[in-house]
Amino acid sequence: SVLAGLDTVSEAEQERLTEVAWAFARSGSISKTAAQMYCHRNTVLNRLHRLEELTGHDITVPADAALLLLAFLTSRPEAISN
């Protein structure tokens, strides 16, 4: 599964990584994502890198983003952030 690596971390970390993935997907901007999440842009970058480390997919690459977001939609619909 695309998201299998997330099962190796705490639920709180899964939520943080899912939240940053959706926020970044909506804007495509590290700065806008940081502002929306009320955190430093380096925090956003670190979380996106951690997501890539766990899944092997880089959400800043459009094909990887599509795959990750579809995986979130199908396996973790409750985690979708508006």
C-alpha atoms as a PDB file:
ATOM      1  CA  SER A   1       0.000   0.000   0.000  1.00  0.00           C
ATOM      2  CA  VAL A   2       1.124   3.522  -0.724  1.00  0.00           C
ATOM      3  CA  LEU A   3       0.552   4.601   2.871  1.00  0.00           C
ATOM      4  CA  ALA A   4       1.876   1.474   4.618  1.00  0.00           C
ATOM      5  CA  GLY A   5       4.856   3.396   5.978  1.00  0.00           C
ATOM      6  CA  LEU A   6       2.523   5.630   7.967  1.00  0.00           C
ATOM      7  CA  ASP A   7       1.494   2.630  10.046  1.00  0.00           C
ATOM      8  CA  THR A   8       4.953   2.666  11.621  1.00  0.00           C
ATOM      9  CA  VAL A   9       4.447   6.049  13.324  1.00  0.00           C
ATOM     10  CA  SER A  10       2.082   7.320  16.002  1.00  0.00           C
ATOM     11  CA  GLU A  11      -1.449   8.340  15.196  1.00  0.00           C
ATOM     12  CA  ALA A  12      -0.579  11.941  16.098  1.00  0.00           C
ATOM     13  CA  GLU A  13       2.248  11.982  13.566  1.00  0.00           C
ATOM     14  CA  GLN A  14       0.000  10.406  10.940  1.00  0.00           C
ATOM     15  CA  GLU A  15      -2.504  13.214  11.504  1.00  0.00           C
ATOM     16  CA  ARG A  16       0.184  15.924  11.232  1.00  0.00           C
ATOM     17  CA  LEU A  17       1.552  14.437   8.016  1.00  0.00           C
ATOM     18  CA  THR A  18      -1.900  14.006   6.507  1.00  0.00           C
ATOM     19  CA  GLU A  19      -2.848  17.570   7.422  1.00  0.00           C
ATOM     20  CA  VAL A  20       0.281  19.049   5.860  1.00  0.00           C
ATOM     21  CA  ALA A  21      -0.185  16.929   2.725  1.00  0.00           C
ATOM     22  CA  TRP A  22      -3.714  18.240   2.163  1.00  0.00           C
ATOM     23  CA  ALA A  23      -2.775  21.820   2.993  1.00  0.00           C
ATOM     24  CA  PHE A  24       0.143  21.708   0.559  1.00  0.00           C
ATOM     25  CA  ALA A  25      -1.991  20.052  -2.119  1.00  0.00           C
ATOM     26  CA  ARG A  26      -4.530  22.883  -1.898  1.00  0.00           C
ATOM     27  CA  SER A  27      -2.003  25.680  -2.350  1.00  0.00           C
ATOM     28  CA  GLY A  28       1.145  24.136  -3.842  1.00  0.00           C
ATOM     29  CA  SER A  29       3.096  26.635  -1.770  1.00  0.00           C
ATOM     30  CA  ILE A  30       5.287  25.970   1.253  1.00  0.00           C
ATOM     31  CA  SER A  31       4.774  29.539   2.519  1.00  0.00           C
ATOM     32  CA  LYS A  32       0.988  29.434   2.149  1.00  0.00           C
ATOM     33  CA  THR A  33       0.867  26.023   3.799  1.00  0.00           C
ATOM     34  CA  ALA A  34       2.944  27.314   6.726  1.00  0.00           C
ATOM     35  CA  ALA A  35       0.668  30.338   7.133  1.00  0.00           C
ATOM     36  CA  GLN A  36      -2.456  28.176   7.003  1.00  0.00           C
ATOM     37  CA  MET A  37      -1.038  25.766   9.574  1.00  0.00           C
ATOM     38  CA  TYR A  38       0.404  28.542  11.797  1.00  0.00           C
ATOM     39  CA  CYS A  39       3.908  27.097  11.724  1.00  0.00           C
ATOM     40  CA  HIS A  40       7.316  27.898  10.279  1.00  0.00           C
ATOM     41  CA  ARG A  41       7.971  26.993   6.645  1.00  0.00           C
ATOM     42  CA  ASN A  42      10.806  24.697   7.775  1.00  0.00           C
ATOM     43  CA  THR A  43       8.275  22.727   9.815  1.00  0.00           C
ATOM     44  CA  VAL A  44       6.231  22.228   6.649  1.00  0.00           C
ATOM     45  CA  LEU A  45       9.326  21.162   4.718  1.00  0.00           C
ATOM     46  CA  ASN A  46      10.322  18.740   7.479  1.00  0.00           C
ATOM     47  CA  ARG A  47       6.869  17.183   7.538  1.00  0.00           C
ATOM     48  CA  LEU A  48       6.762  16.836   3.753  1.00  0.00           C
ATOM     49  CA  HIS A  49      10.199  15.202   3.826  1.00  0.00           C
ATOM     50  CA  ARG A  50       9.030  12.857   6.577  1.00  0.00           C
ATOM     51  CA  LEU A  51       5.988  11.925   4.482  1.00  0.00           C
ATOM     52  CA  GLU A  52       8.295  11.155   1.564  1.00  0.00           C
ATOM     53  CA  GLU A  53      10.605   9.145   3.822  1.00  0.00           C
ATOM     54  CA  LEU A  54       7.703   6.995   5.046  1.00  0.00           C
ATOM     55  CA  THR A  55       5.879   6.540   1.738  1.00  0.00           C
ATOM     56  CA  GLY A  56       8.585   6.834  -0.881  1.00  0.00           C
ATOM     57  CA  HIS A  57       6.497   9.450  -2.681  1.00  0.00           C
ATOM     58  CA  ASP A  58       7.251  13.166  -2.962  1.00  0.00           C
ATOM     59  CA  ILE A  59       4.053  15.218  -2.779  1.00  0.00           C
ATOM     60  CA  THR A  60       5.769  18.096  -4.591  1.00  0.00           C
ATOM     61  CA  VAL A  61       5.882  15.894  -7.722  1.00  0.00           C
ATOM     62  CA  PRO A  62       2.437  15.985  -9.381  1.00  0.00           C
ATOM     63  CA  ALA A  63       2.220  12.246 -10.163  1.00  0.00           C
ATOM     64  CA  ASP A  64       3.264  11.372  -6.608  1.00  0.00           C
ATOM     65  CA  ALA A  65       0.822  13.923  -5.200  1.00  0.00           C
ATOM     66  CA  ALA A  66      -2.038  12.367  -7.141  1.00  0.00           C
ATOM     67  CA  LEU A  67      -1.108   8.902  -5.910  1.00  0.00           C
ATOM     68  CA  LEU A  68      -0.767  10.002  -2.281  1.00  0.00           C
ATOM     69  CA  LEU A  69      -3.997  11.990  -2.247  1.00  0.00           C
ATOM     70  CA  LEU A  70      -5.957   9.152  -3.838  1.00  0.00           C
ATOM     71  CA  ALA A  71      -4.494   6.781  -1.268  1.00  0.00           C
ATOM     72  CA  PHE A  72      -5.571   9.149   1.528  1.00  0.00           C
ATOM     73  CA  LEU A  73      -9.060   9.379   0.029  1.00  0.00           C
ATOM     74  CA  THR A  74      -9.512   5.630  -0.209  1.00  0.00           C
ATOM     75  CA  SER A  75      -7.846   4.436   2.976  1.00  0.00           C
ATOM     76  CA  ARG A  76      -8.171   7.359   5.384  1.00  0.00           C
ATOM     77  CA  PRO A  77     -11.255   9.375   4.380  1.00  0.00           C
ATOM     78  CA  GLU A  78     -11.741  10.554   7.970  1.00  0.00           C
ATOM     79  CA  ALA A  79      -8.335  12.249   7.825  1.00  0.00           C
ATOM     80  CA  ILE A  80      -9.263  14.569   4.975  1.00  0.00           C
ATOM     81  CA  SER A  81      -8.833  18.173   5.985  1.00  0.00           C
ATOM     82  CA  ASN A  82     -10.970  20.868   4.346  1.00  0.00           C
END
